[in-house]
Amino acid sequence: RVSLTPLPGLTLSAAYAYTEAELPPATNPFLPAGSPPQVVYVTSTPRNAGSGAIDYVVPIGGAELRTHLDANIADGYYSMAGEPTLTDSSFIVNGRLAIGGIDLTRGAKLELSLWSRNLFDEQHLFVRSHAAWAAGGDYGIYNEPRTFGLDGTLRF
C-alpha cells in the first residue's frame, strides 16, 4: 500500500495484493468411509487484486469541497470450495462529491454529498457454480448495478 500527497489537499493512494494459496486434499465427512480425499479450493481470494483512489479537498468560503474517486480490480476466484470454477474478474469505480463544514446556527455543521457505487455499471458474476449444469446450466449471482445516493449529515 502506498499513499502520496503531491499537492496540498490532494491524496493519491494505491494498493496491490498477490495471493497464491492452496489447501491439501481433505476427506469429505458426508461421503462413505474410505472415500478418497477431495481437492478443496480457497474461496473468495483472487490471485491479483488492486485498488487506487484520488481524494481532493479544497476550501470554499467557510466550507470544504471534498472529492473522492476509487477503483478496484480483481481476478476471478473460486466461489465454491469443492468446485474448480472461477468467477468473473471485476473492475469497479466509485465516487463521492461532498460539501462539508457548512456553518449553521449554534455551532451546528452540515455536510451534503452525492455518491455513486459502480459508477460505470460494470457487471460480473461474483458467485459461479457449474454444479447445476445437468439441470439446465450454470448458477451465478451478479454484483449490484450502479447506485446513486444523496446524503446529508448534521453535526451539533
N, C-alpha and C. Protein backbone atom coordinates (compact mmCIF):
# COMPACT_ATOMS: atom_id res chain seq x y z
N ARG A 1 0.85 -1.16 0.00
CA ARG A 1 0.00 0.00 0.00
C ARG A 1 0.89 1.22 0.00
N VAL A 2 0.50 2.22 -0.81
CA VAL A 2 1.26 3.45 -0.88
C VAL A 2 0.28 4.62 -0.93
N SER A 3 0.68 5.70 -0.29
CA SER A 3 -0.12 6.91 -0.27
C SER A 3 0.80 8.09 -0.49
N LEU A 4 0.35 9.04 -1.29
CA LEU A 4 1.18 10.17 -1.68
C LEU A 4 0.33 11.43 -1.65
N THR A 5 0.92 12.53 -1.13
CA THR A 5 0.25 13.83 -1.14
C THR A 5 1.13 14.80 -1.92
N PRO A 6 0.97 14.85 -3.27
CA PRO A 6 1.84 15.68 -4.09
C PRO A 6 1.55 17.17 -3.99
N LEU A 7 0.31 17.52 -3.64
CA LEU A 7 -0.11 18.91 -3.51
C LEU A 7 -0.99 19.04 -2.27
N PRO A 8 -1.06 20.22 -1.69
CA PRO A 8 -1.96 20.39 -0.54
C PRO A 8 -3.40 20.03 -0.92
N GLY A 9 -4.01 19.20 -0.13
CA GLY A 9 -5.40 18.79 -0.35
C GLY A 9 -5.57 17.61 -1.29
N LEU A 10 -4.51 17.19 -1.99
CA LEU A 10 -4.60 16.08 -2.93
C LEU A 10 -3.87 14.85 -2.37
N THR A 11 -4.60 13.75 -2.28
CA THR A 11 -4.01 12.50 -1.81
C THR A 11 -4.26 11.41 -2.85
N LEU A 12 -3.20 10.73 -3.24
CA LEU A 12 -3.28 9.61 -4.16
C LEU A 12 -2.89 8.35 -3.39
N SER A 13 -3.64 7.28 -3.56
CA SER A 13 -3.29 6.04 -2.85
C SER A 13 -3.52 4.86 -3.77
N ALA A 14 -2.74 3.81 -3.52
CA ALA A 14 -2.86 2.59 -4.31
C ALA A 14 -2.47 1.40 -3.45
N ALA A 15 -3.03 0.25 -3.79
CA ALA A 15 -2.70 -0.99 -3.07
C ALA A 15 -2.76 -2.14 -4.06
N TYR A 16 -1.96 -3.16 -3.80
CA TYR A 16 -1.94 -4.35 -4.64
C TYR A 16 -1.72 -5.57 -3.74
N ALA A 17 -2.40 -6.64 -4.06
CA ALA A 17 -2.21 -7.90 -3.33
C ALA A 17 -2.08 -9.05 -4.31
N TYR A 18 -1.08 -9.88 -4.10
CA TYR A 18 -0.91 -11.11 -4.86
C TYR A 18 -1.04 -12.25 -3.86
N THR A 19 -1.95 -13.16 -4.13
CA THR A 19 -2.17 -14.28 -3.22
C THR A 19 -2.12 -15.59 -3.99
N GLU A 20 -1.26 -16.47 -3.53
CA GLU A 20 -1.21 -17.81 -4.09
C GLU A 20 -1.43 -18.76 -2.92
N ALA A 21 -2.61 -19.39 -2.92
CA ALA A 21 -2.96 -20.25 -1.79
C ALA A 21 -3.48 -21.59 -2.29
N GLU A 22 -3.07 -22.64 -1.61
CA GLU A 22 -3.54 -23.98 -1.91
C GLU A 22 -3.81 -24.70 -0.60
N LEU A 23 -4.85 -25.51 -0.61
CA LEU A 23 -5.16 -26.34 0.55
C LEU A 23 -4.89 -27.80 0.20
N PRO A 24 -4.47 -28.59 1.16
CA PRO A 24 -4.26 -30.02 0.87
C PRO A 24 -5.62 -30.72 0.68
N PRO A 25 -5.65 -31.79 -0.09
CA PRO A 25 -6.90 -32.54 -0.23
C PRO A 25 -7.42 -32.94 1.16
N ALA A 26 -8.75 -32.97 1.28
CA ALA A 26 -9.37 -33.27 2.58
C ALA A 26 -10.46 -34.33 2.41
N THR A 27 -10.66 -35.10 3.45
CA THR A 27 -11.72 -36.11 3.46
C THR A 27 -13.06 -35.42 3.67
N ASN A 28 -14.03 -35.79 2.85
CA ASN A 28 -15.37 -35.22 2.96
C ASN A 28 -16.16 -36.07 3.97
N PRO A 29 -16.58 -35.50 5.10
CA PRO A 29 -17.28 -36.28 6.12
C PRO A 29 -18.67 -36.74 5.70
N PHE A 30 -19.19 -36.23 4.58
CA PHE A 30 -20.53 -36.61 4.13
C PHE A 30 -20.51 -37.75 3.11
N LEU A 31 -19.30 -38.20 2.74
CA LEU A 31 -19.17 -39.35 1.83
C LEU A 31 -18.91 -40.61 2.64
N PRO A 32 -19.13 -41.77 2.03
CA PRO A 32 -18.89 -43.04 2.76
C PRO A 32 -17.44 -43.14 3.26
N ALA A 33 -17.26 -43.84 4.36
CA ALA A 33 -15.93 -44.05 4.93
C ALA A 33 -15.03 -44.69 3.89
N GLY A 34 -13.78 -44.25 3.84
CA GLY A 34 -12.81 -44.79 2.90
C GLY A 34 -12.79 -44.07 1.56
N SER A 35 -13.68 -43.07 1.38
CA SER A 35 -13.66 -42.29 0.13
C SER A 35 -12.35 -41.52 0.06
N PRO A 36 -11.82 -41.37 -1.14
CA PRO A 36 -10.54 -40.66 -1.27
C PRO A 36 -10.69 -39.17 -0.91
N PRO A 37 -9.62 -38.55 -0.46
CA PRO A 37 -9.67 -37.11 -0.18
C PRO A 37 -10.01 -36.32 -1.44
N GLN A 38 -10.63 -35.18 -1.24
CA GLN A 38 -11.05 -34.33 -2.36
C GLN A 38 -10.24 -33.03 -2.36
N VAL A 39 -10.10 -32.45 -3.54
CA VAL A 39 -9.45 -31.16 -3.66
C VAL A 39 -10.36 -30.10 -3.05
N VAL A 40 -9.77 -29.20 -2.27
CA VAL A 40 -10.51 -28.10 -1.67
C VAL A 40 -9.89 -26.80 -2.18
N TYR A 41 -10.73 -25.91 -2.69
CA TYR A 41 -10.25 -24.65 -3.26
C TYR A 41 -10.42 -23.50 -2.26
N VAL A 42 -9.44 -22.62 -2.23
CA VAL A 42 -9.53 -21.43 -1.38
C VAL A 42 -10.53 -20.49 -2.04
N THR A 43 -11.56 -20.10 -1.32
CA THR A 43 -12.63 -19.28 -1.90
C THR A 43 -12.45 -17.79 -1.63
N SER A 44 -13.08 -17.01 -2.47
CA SER A 44 -13.16 -15.54 -2.32
C SER A 44 -11.79 -14.87 -2.23
N THR A 45 -10.79 -15.44 -2.88
CA THR A 45 -9.43 -14.91 -2.81
C THR A 45 -8.85 -14.82 -4.22
N PRO A 46 -8.94 -13.64 -4.85
CA PRO A 46 -8.36 -13.50 -6.18
C PRO A 46 -6.84 -13.56 -6.12
N ARG A 47 -6.22 -14.09 -7.16
CA ARG A 47 -4.76 -14.13 -7.21
C ARG A 47 -4.19 -12.71 -7.24
N ASN A 48 -4.76 -11.84 -8.05
CA ASN A 48 -4.33 -10.45 -8.15
C ASN A 48 -5.50 -9.53 -7.83
N ALA A 49 -5.25 -8.56 -6.96
CA ALA A 49 -6.28 -7.57 -6.61
C ALA A 49 -5.57 -6.24 -6.37
N GLY A 50 -6.23 -5.17 -6.76
CA GLY A 50 -5.63 -3.87 -6.56
C GLY A 50 -6.68 -2.79 -6.43
N SER A 51 -6.25 -1.66 -5.91
CA SER A 51 -7.15 -0.52 -5.77
C SER A 51 -6.35 0.77 -5.88
N GLY A 52 -7.05 1.81 -6.25
CA GLY A 52 -6.43 3.12 -6.32
C GLY A 52 -7.49 4.16 -5.97
N ALA A 53 -7.05 5.29 -5.41
CA ALA A 53 -8.00 6.33 -5.04
C ALA A 53 -7.37 7.70 -5.20
N ILE A 54 -8.22 8.65 -5.50
CA ILE A 54 -7.84 10.06 -5.56
C ILE A 54 -8.79 10.81 -4.64
N ASP A 55 -8.23 11.56 -3.71
CA ASP A 55 -9.01 12.40 -2.81
C ASP A 55 -8.51 13.83 -2.95
N TYR A 56 -9.44 14.76 -3.05
CA TYR A 56 -9.06 16.17 -3.17
C TYR A 56 -9.99 17.00 -2.30
N VAL A 57 -9.40 17.82 -1.45
CA VAL A 57 -10.16 18.70 -0.55
C VAL A 57 -9.72 20.12 -0.83
N VAL A 58 -10.68 20.99 -1.08
CA VAL A 58 -10.38 22.40 -1.32
C VAL A 58 -11.35 23.27 -0.52
N PRO A 59 -10.84 24.29 0.19
CA PRO A 59 -11.74 25.17 0.93
C PRO A 59 -12.53 26.08 -0.02
N ILE A 60 -13.81 26.26 0.30
CA ILE A 60 -14.64 27.22 -0.43
C ILE A 60 -15.46 27.99 0.59
N GLY A 61 -15.11 29.26 0.75
CA GLY A 61 -15.77 30.05 1.79
C GLY A 61 -15.42 29.47 3.14
N GLY A 62 -16.43 29.27 3.98
CA GLY A 62 -16.21 28.67 5.29
C GLY A 62 -16.39 27.17 5.28
N ALA A 63 -16.53 26.56 4.09
CA ALA A 63 -16.78 25.12 3.98
C ALA A 63 -15.65 24.46 3.19
N GLU A 64 -15.83 23.17 2.89
CA GLU A 64 -14.85 22.41 2.11
C GLU A 64 -15.55 21.62 1.02
N LEU A 65 -14.94 21.61 -0.15
CA LEU A 65 -15.38 20.72 -1.21
C LEU A 65 -14.48 19.50 -1.15
N ARG A 66 -15.09 18.31 -1.01
CA ARG A 66 -14.33 17.06 -0.91
C ARG A 66 -14.72 16.15 -2.07
N THR A 67 -13.72 15.70 -2.81
CA THR A 67 -13.99 14.77 -3.91
C THR A 67 -13.23 13.47 -3.64
N HIS A 68 -13.83 12.38 -4.04
CA HIS A 68 -13.22 11.07 -3.85
C HIS A 68 -13.58 10.21 -5.06
N LEU A 69 -12.59 9.54 -5.61
CA LEU A 69 -12.79 8.58 -6.69
C LEU A 69 -11.92 7.38 -6.40
N ASP A 70 -12.49 6.18 -6.44
CA ASP A 70 -11.67 4.98 -6.24
C ASP A 70 -12.03 3.92 -7.26
N ALA A 71 -11.07 3.07 -7.55
CA ALA A 71 -11.26 1.96 -8.49
C ALA A 71 -10.67 0.70 -7.86
N ASN A 72 -11.35 -0.41 -8.07
CA ASN A 72 -10.94 -1.70 -7.51
C ASN A 72 -10.98 -2.74 -8.61
N ILE A 73 -9.91 -3.52 -8.71
CA ILE A 73 -9.81 -4.53 -9.75
C ILE A 73 -9.41 -5.86 -9.11
N ALA A 74 -9.95 -6.96 -9.65
CA ALA A 74 -9.62 -8.27 -9.09
C ALA A 74 -9.76 -9.35 -10.16
N ASP A 75 -8.88 -10.34 -10.09
CA ASP A 75 -9.03 -11.53 -10.93
C ASP A 75 -10.24 -12.33 -10.44
N GLY A 76 -10.68 -13.26 -11.28
CA GLY A 76 -11.70 -14.19 -10.84
C GLY A 76 -11.15 -15.08 -9.72
N TYR A 77 -12.03 -15.66 -8.94
CA TYR A 77 -11.64 -16.50 -7.81
C TYR A 77 -12.63 -17.65 -7.68
N TYR A 78 -12.26 -18.65 -6.90
CA TYR A 78 -13.17 -19.77 -6.64
C TYR A 78 -14.23 -19.29 -5.65
N SER A 79 -15.50 -19.55 -5.97
CA SER A 79 -16.56 -19.17 -5.03
C SER A 79 -17.14 -20.39 -4.32
N MET A 80 -16.77 -21.58 -4.77
CA MET A 80 -17.23 -22.82 -4.14
C MET A 80 -16.00 -23.66 -3.79
N ALA A 81 -15.89 -24.10 -2.55
CA ALA A 81 -14.70 -24.81 -2.08
C ALA A 81 -14.48 -26.14 -2.79
N GLY A 82 -15.52 -26.76 -3.31
CA GLY A 82 -15.37 -28.07 -3.93
C GLY A 82 -15.45 -28.05 -5.44
N GLU A 83 -15.30 -26.88 -6.04
CA GLU A 83 -15.50 -26.78 -7.48
C GLU A 83 -14.44 -25.90 -8.14
N PRO A 84 -13.80 -26.37 -9.22
CA PRO A 84 -12.73 -25.60 -9.87
C PRO A 84 -13.26 -24.55 -10.85
N THR A 85 -14.30 -23.82 -10.48
CA THR A 85 -14.93 -22.83 -11.34
C THR A 85 -14.62 -21.44 -10.83
N LEU A 86 -14.07 -20.60 -11.71
CA LEU A 86 -13.72 -19.23 -11.32
C LEU A 86 -14.87 -18.26 -11.60
N THR A 87 -14.99 -17.25 -10.77
CA THR A 87 -15.93 -16.16 -11.02
C THR A 87 -15.33 -15.26 -12.11
N ASP A 88 -16.05 -14.23 -12.48
CA ASP A 88 -15.53 -13.25 -13.44
C ASP A 88 -14.52 -12.34 -12.75
N SER A 89 -13.63 -11.76 -13.53
CA SER A 89 -12.78 -10.70 -13.00
C SER A 89 -13.66 -9.45 -12.87
N SER A 90 -13.17 -8.46 -12.13
CA SER A 90 -14.01 -7.28 -11.90
C SER A 90 -13.20 -5.99 -11.92
N PHE A 91 -13.88 -4.91 -12.27
CA PHE A 91 -13.32 -3.56 -12.24
C PHE A 91 -14.45 -2.62 -11.85
N ILE A 92 -14.42 -2.12 -10.62
CA ILE A 92 -15.49 -1.29 -10.08
C ILE A 92 -14.94 0.08 -9.72
N VAL A 93 -15.67 1.12 -10.11
CA VAL A 93 -15.29 2.50 -9.80
C VAL A 93 -16.41 3.13 -8.97
N ASN A 94 -16.01 3.82 -7.91
CA ASN A 94 -16.95 4.51 -7.03
C ASN A 94 -16.53 5.98 -6.91
N GLY A 95 -17.49 6.85 -6.62
CA GLY A 95 -17.15 8.26 -6.48
C GLY A 95 -18.04 8.96 -5.47
N ARG A 96 -17.53 10.07 -4.95
CA ARG A 96 -18.27 10.87 -3.97
C ARG A 96 -17.86 12.32 -4.10
N LEU A 97 -18.84 13.22 -4.07
CA LEU A 97 -18.63 14.65 -4.10
C LEU A 97 -19.39 15.23 -2.92
N ALA A 98 -18.70 15.96 -2.05
CA ALA A 98 -19.35 16.47 -0.83
C ALA A 98 -18.95 17.91 -0.56
N ILE A 99 -19.88 18.63 0.02
CA ILE A 99 -19.59 19.96 0.57
C ILE A 99 -19.83 19.82 2.06
N GLY A 100 -18.77 20.01 2.84
CA GLY A 100 -18.86 19.81 4.29
C GLY A 100 -18.42 21.04 5.06
N GLY A 101 -18.74 21.03 6.33
CA GLY A 101 -18.36 22.14 7.19
C GLY A 101 -19.19 23.38 6.97
N ILE A 102 -20.40 23.23 6.48
CA ILE A 102 -21.28 24.39 6.26
C ILE A 102 -21.81 24.82 7.62
N ASP A 103 -21.46 26.04 8.03
CA ASP A 103 -21.87 26.55 9.35
C ASP A 103 -23.36 26.85 9.38
N LEU A 104 -24.00 26.35 10.43
CA LEU A 104 -25.40 26.65 10.70
C LEU A 104 -25.44 27.39 12.04
N THR A 105 -26.59 27.55 12.62
CA THR A 105 -26.71 28.25 13.90
C THR A 105 -26.21 27.40 15.06
N ARG A 106 -25.77 28.05 16.11
CA ARG A 106 -25.34 27.42 17.37
C ARG A 106 -24.25 26.36 17.20
N GLY A 107 -23.34 26.57 16.26
CA GLY A 107 -22.21 25.67 16.09
C GLY A 107 -22.49 24.42 15.29
N ALA A 108 -23.72 24.24 14.80
CA ALA A 108 -24.05 23.07 14.00
C ALA A 108 -23.39 23.18 12.63
N LYS A 109 -23.02 22.03 12.08
CA LYS A 109 -22.39 21.99 10.76
C LYS A 109 -23.13 20.97 9.89
N LEU A 110 -23.23 21.30 8.61
CA LEU A 110 -23.95 20.47 7.66
C LEU A 110 -22.98 19.96 6.59
N GLU A 111 -23.17 18.71 6.18
CA GLU A 111 -22.44 18.15 5.05
C GLU A 111 -23.46 17.53 4.09
N LEU A 112 -23.34 17.87 2.82
CA LEU A 112 -24.18 17.30 1.77
C LEU A 112 -23.28 16.57 0.79
N SER A 113 -23.67 15.36 0.39
CA SER A 113 -22.83 14.61 -0.53
C SER A 113 -23.68 13.85 -1.56
N LEU A 114 -23.10 13.73 -2.74
CA LEU A 114 -23.66 12.95 -3.83
C LEU A 114 -22.65 11.84 -4.10
N TRP A 115 -23.10 10.59 -4.18
CA TRP A 115 -22.17 9.49 -4.36
C TRP A 115 -22.73 8.48 -5.37
N SER A 116 -21.82 7.66 -5.88
CA SER A 116 -22.21 6.57 -6.77
C SER A 116 -21.31 5.36 -6.50
N ARG A 117 -21.92 4.21 -6.41
CA ARG A 117 -21.19 2.94 -6.36
C ARG A 117 -21.33 2.28 -7.73
N ASN A 118 -20.26 1.65 -8.19
CA ASN A 118 -20.26 1.01 -9.51
C ASN A 118 -20.64 2.02 -10.59
N LEU A 119 -19.91 3.11 -10.61
CA LEU A 119 -20.19 4.26 -11.46
C LEU A 119 -20.39 3.90 -12.94
N PHE A 120 -19.63 2.94 -13.46
CA PHE A 120 -19.74 2.57 -14.88
C PHE A 120 -20.68 1.38 -15.12
N ASP A 121 -21.42 0.98 -14.09
CA ASP A 121 -22.41 -0.10 -14.18
C ASP A 121 -21.79 -1.40 -14.70
N GLU A 122 -20.61 -1.74 -14.21
CA GLU A 122 -19.90 -2.95 -14.60
C GLU A 122 -20.64 -4.16 -14.02
N GLN A 123 -20.79 -5.22 -14.81
CA GLN A 123 -21.45 -6.43 -14.33
C GLN A 123 -20.48 -7.60 -14.36
N HIS A 124 -20.50 -8.37 -13.27
CA HIS A 124 -19.70 -9.58 -13.21
C HIS A 124 -20.34 -10.56 -12.24
N LEU A 125 -20.09 -11.84 -12.47
CA LEU A 125 -20.55 -12.87 -11.54
C LEU A 125 -19.55 -12.96 -10.40
N PHE A 126 -20.02 -12.76 -9.17
CA PHE A 126 -19.13 -12.91 -8.02
C PHE A 126 -19.35 -14.24 -7.31
N VAL A 127 -20.35 -14.99 -7.75
CA VAL A 127 -20.55 -16.38 -7.34
C VAL A 127 -20.87 -17.15 -8.61
N ARG A 128 -20.19 -18.26 -8.83
CA ARG A 128 -20.45 -19.07 -10.03
C ARG A 128 -20.27 -20.54 -9.68
N SER A 129 -21.19 -21.37 -10.20
CA SER A 129 -21.11 -22.81 -9.98
C SER A 129 -21.57 -23.55 -11.23
N HIS A 130 -20.85 -24.60 -11.57
CA HIS A 130 -21.25 -25.49 -12.67
C HIS A 130 -22.00 -26.71 -12.12
N ALA A 131 -22.20 -26.79 -10.83
CA ALA A 131 -22.80 -27.98 -10.21
C ALA A 131 -24.19 -28.28 -10.76
N ALA A 132 -24.92 -27.25 -11.19
CA ALA A 132 -26.29 -27.45 -11.67
C ALA A 132 -26.34 -27.63 -13.19
N TRP A 133 -25.17 -27.83 -13.84
CA TRP A 133 -25.13 -27.90 -15.30
C TRP A 133 -26.10 -28.96 -15.84
N ALA A 134 -26.15 -30.12 -15.25
CA ALA A 134 -27.03 -31.19 -15.74
C ALA A 134 -28.50 -30.80 -15.63
N ALA A 135 -28.83 -29.88 -14.74
CA ALA A 135 -30.22 -29.46 -14.55
C ALA A 135 -30.57 -28.25 -15.41
N GLY A 136 -29.65 -27.80 -16.25
CA GLY A 136 -30.03 -26.70 -17.14
C GLY A 136 -29.04 -25.57 -17.26
N GLY A 137 -27.94 -25.62 -16.58
CA GLY A 137 -26.95 -24.55 -16.78
C GLY A 137 -26.22 -24.16 -15.52
N ASP A 138 -25.39 -23.15 -15.68
CA ASP A 138 -24.61 -22.63 -14.55
C ASP A 138 -25.51 -21.92 -13.56
N TYR A 139 -25.00 -21.79 -12.35
CA TYR A 139 -25.65 -20.99 -11.31
C TYR A 139 -24.73 -19.80 -11.06
N GLY A 140 -25.28 -18.61 -10.92
CA GLY A 140 -24.43 -17.46 -10.65
C GLY A 140 -25.19 -16.32 -10.03
N ILE A 141 -24.44 -15.46 -9.35
CA ILE A 141 -25.01 -14.25 -8.74
C ILE A 141 -24.18 -13.08 -9.23
N TYR A 142 -24.87 -12.05 -9.76
CA TYR A 142 -24.20 -10.86 -10.25
C TYR A 142 -24.02 -9.83 -9.14
N ASN A 143 -23.03 -8.95 -9.33
CA ASN A 143 -22.82 -7.84 -8.41
C ASN A 143 -23.98 -6.84 -8.53
N GLU A 144 -24.02 -5.88 -7.62
CA GLU A 144 -25.07 -4.87 -7.66
C GLU A 144 -24.83 -3.90 -8.82
N PRO A 145 -25.91 -3.38 -9.42
CA PRO A 145 -25.76 -2.41 -10.51
C PRO A 145 -25.34 -1.04 -9.97
N ARG A 146 -25.18 -0.09 -10.88
CA ARG A 146 -24.84 1.28 -10.49
C ARG A 146 -25.89 1.79 -9.49
N THR A 147 -25.41 2.46 -8.47
CA THR A 147 -26.27 3.02 -7.43
C THR A 147 -25.85 4.46 -7.18
N PHE A 148 -26.84 5.34 -7.05
CA PHE A 148 -26.58 6.74 -6.72
C PHE A 148 -27.23 7.05 -5.38
N GLY A 149 -26.71 8.04 -4.70
CA GLY A 149 -27.32 8.45 -3.45
C GLY A 149 -26.99 9.89 -3.11
N LEU A 150 -27.79 10.44 -2.25
CA LEU A 150 -27.58 11.79 -1.72
C LEU A 150 -27.67 11.68 -0.21
N ASP A 151 -26.64 12.14 0.48
CA ASP A 151 -26.61 12.07 1.94
C ASP A 151 -26.52 13.47 2.51
N GLY A 152 -27.12 13.62 3.66
CA GLY A 152 -26.99 14.85 4.44
C GLY A 152 -26.64 14.48 5.86
N THR A 153 -25.63 15.15 6.42
CA THR A 153 -25.20 14.87 7.78
C THR A 153 -25.19 16.19 8.56
N LEU A 154 -25.82 16.17 9.70
CA LEU A 154 -25.87 17.36 10.56
C LEU A 154 -25.14 17.03 11.85
N ARG A 155 -24.12 17.82 12.17
CA ARG A 155 -23.36 17.63 13.41
C ARG A 155 -23.59 18.83 14.31
N PHE A 156 -23.94 18.55 15.55
CA PHE A 156 -24.12 19.66 16.51
C PHE A 156 -23.67 19.24 17.88
